[in-house]
Amino acid sequence: MIKKKDFEKINCKKYSVKEAFAYYVMGFRNVKNENYKSVFMEVIENIHNIPNKNEALEQIKDIDISAIENNWNLSLQQVVAYAYIIFDSLIKSNKKFSEHDILWQFECAMKLYSPNNAVEFFEKKLYELNVEN
C-alpha cells in the first residue's frame, strides 16, 4: 500500500514515454500472468519503488525502444490510463503476449489517444465498471 505522502510525490512527477514503457514492462515481467489488474497494480508499485528514471530505463535495456518517437511528459494519471488501455487490449486478444506486443500496443494507443484523451477514456471505463457493479 502506498502512503499518502509517497503518492503525492509520484503524482507530482512527470514521466517520459520511455520511462512509462519501462514501468509497463517491469509490471509485466513481475506478474507474467495475463491478469491486467495484477499487472496494473504492479506498474503502480514499480513507479513507487523505482522512482529514478535511469534505474527504470536500466530495467529494459534489453529492448530496443528507439521506435518510441514521442517526447511527451506524462502525468501519473496519463501513465496509468495508458497502462489500462494497453493491458486491457492485450488481455482481450486472448493470446500470449510479449514485451514487444506491449511496445506495439503502446505506440498504437499513443496514436489513437492523446494523453488527456487516454485519461478521459480510462475515467469513462472506471465509471462504467462502477455502474455495472
C-alpha atoms as a PDB file:
ATOM      1  CA  MET A   1       0.000   0.000   0.000  1.00  0.00           C
ATOM      2  CA  ILE A   2       1.314   3.425  -0.938  1.00  0.00           C
ATOM      3  CA  LYS A   3       1.283   6.065   1.787  1.00  0.00           C
ATOM      4  CA  LYS A   4      -0.374   9.402   1.046  1.00  0.00           C
ATOM      5  CA  LYS A   5       2.894  11.400   1.148  1.00  0.00           C
ATOM      6  CA  ASP A   6       4.548   8.881  -1.212  1.00  0.00           C
ATOM      7  CA  PHE A   7       1.566   9.054  -3.555  1.00  0.00           C
ATOM      8  CA  GLU A   8       1.737  12.840  -3.617  1.00  0.00           C
ATOM      9  CA  LYS A   9       5.417  12.606  -4.525  1.00  0.00           C
ATOM     10  CA  ILE A  10       4.895  10.277  -7.505  1.00  0.00           C
ATOM     11  CA  ASN A  11       1.716  12.111  -8.518  1.00  0.00           C
ATOM     12  CA  CYS A  12       3.591  15.417  -8.943  1.00  0.00           C
ATOM     13  CA  LYS A  13       6.331  13.910 -11.100  1.00  0.00           C
ATOM     14  CA  LYS A  14       6.344  13.862 -14.908  1.00  0.00           C
ATOM     15  CA  TYR A  15       7.259  10.652 -16.724  1.00  0.00           C
ATOM     16  CA  SER A  16       8.788  10.294 -20.170  1.00  0.00           C
ATOM     17  CA  VAL A  17       7.105   7.908 -22.598  1.00  0.00           C
ATOM     18  CA  LYS A  18      10.149   5.614 -22.444  1.00  0.00           C
ATOM     19  CA  GLU A  19      10.036   5.645 -18.660  1.00  0.00           C
ATOM     20  CA  ALA A  20       6.325   4.782 -18.721  1.00  0.00           C
ATOM     21  CA  PHE A  21       7.070   1.884 -21.070  1.00  0.00           C
ATOM     22  CA  ALA A  22       9.769   0.682 -18.662  1.00  0.00           C
ATOM     23  CA  TYR A  23       7.198   0.569 -15.854  1.00  0.00           C
ATOM     24  CA  TYR A  24       4.771  -1.382 -18.075  1.00  0.00           C
ATOM     25  CA  VAL A  25       7.438  -3.957 -18.919  1.00  0.00           C
ATOM     26  CA  MET A  26       8.568  -4.290 -15.306  1.00  0.00           C
ATOM     27  CA  GLY A  27       4.961  -4.855 -14.252  1.00  0.00           C
ATOM     28  CA  PHE A  28       4.539  -7.495 -16.940  1.00  0.00           C
ATOM     29  CA  ARG A  29       7.804  -9.228 -16.037  1.00  0.00           C
ATOM     30  CA  ASN A  30       6.964  -9.301 -12.344  1.00  0.00           C
ATOM     31  CA  VAL A  31       3.455 -10.686 -12.799  1.00  0.00           C
ATOM     32  CA  LYS A  32       3.567 -12.784 -16.009  1.00  0.00           C
ATOM     33  CA  ASN A  33       0.010 -13.993 -15.540  1.00  0.00           C
ATOM     34  CA  GLU A  34      -2.162 -12.282 -18.139  1.00  0.00           C
ATOM     35  CA  ASN A  35      -4.274 -10.652 -15.449  1.00  0.00           C
ATOM     36  CA  TYR A  36      -4.163  -6.981 -16.330  1.00  0.00           C
ATOM     37  CA  LYS A  37      -5.406  -5.975 -12.885  1.00  0.00           C
ATOM     38  CA  SER A  38      -2.321  -7.574 -11.352  1.00  0.00           C
ATOM     39  CA  VAL A  39      -0.036  -6.037 -13.971  1.00  0.00           C
ATOM     40  CA  PHE A  40      -1.764  -2.700 -13.490  1.00  0.00           C
ATOM     41  CA  MET A  41      -1.139  -2.729  -9.736  1.00  0.00           C
ATOM     42  CA  GLU A  42       2.447  -3.858 -10.304  1.00  0.00           C
ATOM     43  CA  VAL A  43       3.017  -0.869 -12.630  1.00  0.00           C
ATOM     44  CA  ILE A  44       1.931   1.496  -9.859  1.00  0.00           C
ATOM     45  CA  GLU A  45       4.103  -0.318  -7.304  1.00  0.00           C
ATOM     46  CA  ASN A  46       7.103  -0.042  -9.639  1.00  0.00           C
ATOM     47  CA  ILE A  47       6.546   3.686 -10.077  1.00  0.00           C
ATOM     48  CA  HIS A  48       6.543   3.972  -6.308  1.00  0.00           C
ATOM     49  CA  ASN A  49       9.501   1.667  -5.673  1.00  0.00           C
ATOM     50  CA  ILE A  50      11.732   2.732  -8.589  1.00  0.00           C
ATOM     51  CA  PRO A  51      11.260   6.491  -8.899  1.00  0.00           C
ATOM     52  CA  ASN A  52      14.619   7.052 -10.618  1.00  0.00           C
ATOM     53  CA  LYS A  53      14.216   7.376 -14.391  1.00  0.00           C
ATOM     54  CA  ASN A  54      17.652   5.932 -15.176  1.00  0.00           C
ATOM     55  CA  GLU A  55      17.054   2.949 -12.925  1.00  0.00           C
ATOM     56  CA  ALA A  56      13.714   2.302 -14.606  1.00  0.00           C
ATOM     57  CA  LEU A  57      15.244   2.502 -18.084  1.00  0.00           C
ATOM     58  CA  GLU A  58      18.087   0.216 -16.998  1.00  0.00           C
ATOM     59  CA  GLN A  59      15.470  -2.476 -16.370  1.00  0.00           C
ATOM     60  CA  ILE A  60      14.573  -2.553 -20.081  1.00  0.00           C
ATOM     61  CA  LYS A  61      17.992  -2.087 -21.662  1.00  0.00           C
ATOM     62  CA  ASP A  62      17.491  -5.413 -23.476  1.00  0.00           C
ATOM     63  CA  ILE A  63      14.573  -3.977 -25.505  1.00  0.00           C
ATOM     64  CA  ASP A  64      15.035  -1.690 -28.498  1.00  0.00           C
ATOM     65  CA  ILE A  65      12.933   1.346 -27.645  1.00  0.00           C
ATOM     66  CA  SER A  66      14.278   3.541 -30.434  1.00  0.00           C
ATOM     67  CA  ALA A  67      10.905   3.214 -32.184  1.00  0.00           C
ATOM     68  CA  ILE A  68       9.310   5.359 -29.479  1.00  0.00           C
ATOM     69  CA  GLU A  69       9.249   8.793 -31.041  1.00  0.00           C
ATOM     70  CA  ASN A  70       7.002  10.749 -28.687  1.00  0.00           C
ATOM     71  CA  ASN A  71       8.770  13.055 -26.286  1.00  0.00           C
ATOM     72  CA  TRP A  72       5.735  13.684 -24.156  1.00  0.00           C
ATOM     73  CA  ASN A  73       5.987  14.231 -20.427  1.00  0.00           C
ATOM     74  CA  LEU A  74       3.163  12.277 -18.853  1.00  0.00           C
ATOM     75  CA  SER A  75       1.434  12.728 -15.530  1.00  0.00           C
ATOM     76  CA  LEU A  76       0.856   9.743 -13.274  1.00  0.00           C
ATOM     77  CA  GLN A  77      -2.790   9.695 -14.372  1.00  0.00           C
ATOM     78  CA  GLN A  78      -1.738   9.546 -18.013  1.00  0.00           C
ATOM     79  CA  VAL A  79       0.770   6.739 -17.356  1.00  0.00           C
ATOM     80  CA  VAL A  80      -1.926   4.759 -15.542  1.00  0.00           C
ATOM     81  CA  ALA A  81      -4.526   5.456 -18.257  1.00  0.00           C
ATOM     82  CA  TYR A  82      -2.211   4.183 -20.991  1.00  0.00           C
ATOM     83  CA  ALA A  83      -1.426   1.119 -18.855  1.00  0.00           C
ATOM     84  CA  TYR A  84      -5.138   0.335 -18.688  1.00  0.00           C
ATOM     85  CA  ILE A  85      -5.575   0.781 -22.441  1.00  0.00           C
ATOM     86  CA  ILE A  86      -2.533  -1.338 -23.273  1.00  0.00           C
ATOM     87  CA  PHE A  87      -3.166  -4.270 -20.964  1.00  0.00           C
ATOM     88  CA  ASP A  88      -6.932  -4.307 -21.439  1.00  0.00           C
ATOM     89  CA  SER A  89      -6.422  -4.643 -25.210  1.00  0.00           C
ATOM     90  CA  LEU A  90      -3.721  -7.285 -24.869  1.00  0.00           C
ATOM     91  CA  ILE A  91      -5.694  -9.386 -22.389  1.00  0.00           C
ATOM     92  CA  LYS A  92      -8.847  -9.209 -24.514  1.00  0.00           C
ATOM     93  CA  SER A  93      -6.905 -10.516 -27.510  1.00  0.00           C
ATOM     94  CA  ASN A  94      -6.851 -13.916 -25.741  1.00  0.00           C
ATOM     95  CA  LYS A  95      -3.326 -14.693 -26.846  1.00  0.00           C
ATOM     96  CA  LYS A  96       0.013 -14.825 -25.134  1.00  0.00           C
ATOM     97  CA  PHE A  97       1.773 -11.516 -25.455  1.00  0.00           C
ATOM     98  CA  SER A  98       5.323 -10.321 -25.115  1.00  0.00           C
ATOM     99  CA  GLU A  99       7.151  -7.164 -24.189  1.00  0.00           C
ATOM    100  CA  HIS A 100       7.291  -6.264 -27.872  1.00  0.00           C
ATOM    101  CA  ASP A 101       3.496  -6.566 -28.042  1.00  0.00           C
ATOM    102  CA  ILE A 102       3.311  -4.112 -25.140  1.00  0.00           C
ATOM    103  CA  LEU A 103       5.513  -1.692 -27.084  1.00  0.00           C
ATOM    104  CA  TRP A 104       3.413  -2.073 -30.229  1.00  0.00           C
ATOM    105  CA  GLN A 105       0.164  -1.610 -28.292  1.00  0.00           C
ATOM    106  CA  PHE A 106       1.590   1.445 -26.511  1.00  0.00           C
ATOM    107  CA  GLU A 107       2.561   3.010 -29.830  1.00  0.00           C
ATOM    108  CA  CYS A 108      -0.943   2.337 -31.182  1.00  0.00           C
ATOM    109  CA  ALA A 109      -2.549   3.780 -28.053  1.00  0.00           C
ATOM    110  CA  MET A 110      -0.467   6.958 -28.344  1.00  0.00           C
ATOM    111  CA  LYS A 111      -1.621   7.361 -31.959  1.00  0.00           C
ATOM    112  CA  LEU A 112      -5.273   6.855 -31.024  1.00  0.00           C
ATOM    113  CA  TYR A 113      -5.368   8.795 -27.761  1.00  0.00           C
ATOM    114  CA  SER A 114      -3.622  11.963 -26.726  1.00  0.00           C
ATOM    115  CA  PRO A 115      -2.514  11.787 -23.076  1.00  0.00           C
ATOM    116  CA  ASN A 116      -5.579  13.717 -21.905  1.00  0.00           C
ATOM    117  CA  ASN A 117      -7.919  11.647 -24.088  1.00  0.00           C
ATOM    118  CA  ALA A 118      -6.384   8.480 -22.619  1.00  0.00           C
ATOM    119  CA  VAL A 119      -7.270   9.727 -19.126  1.00  0.00           C
ATOM    120  CA  GLU A 120     -10.783  10.620 -20.260  1.00  0.00           C
ATOM    121  CA  PHE A 121     -11.221   7.138 -21.790  1.00  0.00           C
ATOM    122  CA  PHE A 122      -9.886   5.475 -18.628  1.00  0.00           C
ATOM    123  CA  GLU A 123     -12.172   7.518 -16.375  1.00  0.00           C
ATOM    124  CA  LYS A 124     -15.156   6.591 -18.553  1.00  0.00           C
ATOM    125  CA  LYS A 125     -14.251   2.887 -18.271  1.00  0.00           C
ATOM    126  CA  LEU A 126     -13.889   3.179 -14.490  1.00  0.00           C
ATOM    127  CA  TYR A 127     -17.295   4.833 -14.305  1.00  0.00           C
ATOM    128  CA  GLU A 128     -18.825   2.051 -16.428  1.00  0.00           C
ATOM    129  CA  LEU A 129     -17.260  -0.605 -14.188  1.00  0.00           C
ATOM    130  CA  ASN A 130     -18.621   1.098 -11.080  1.00  0.00           C
ATOM    131  CA  VAL A 131     -22.113   1.417 -12.562  1.00  0.00           C
ATOM    132  CA  GLU A 132     -22.165  -2.277 -13.528  1.00  0.00           C
ATOM    133  CA  ASN A 133     -21.143  -3.363 -10.025  1.00  0.00           C
END
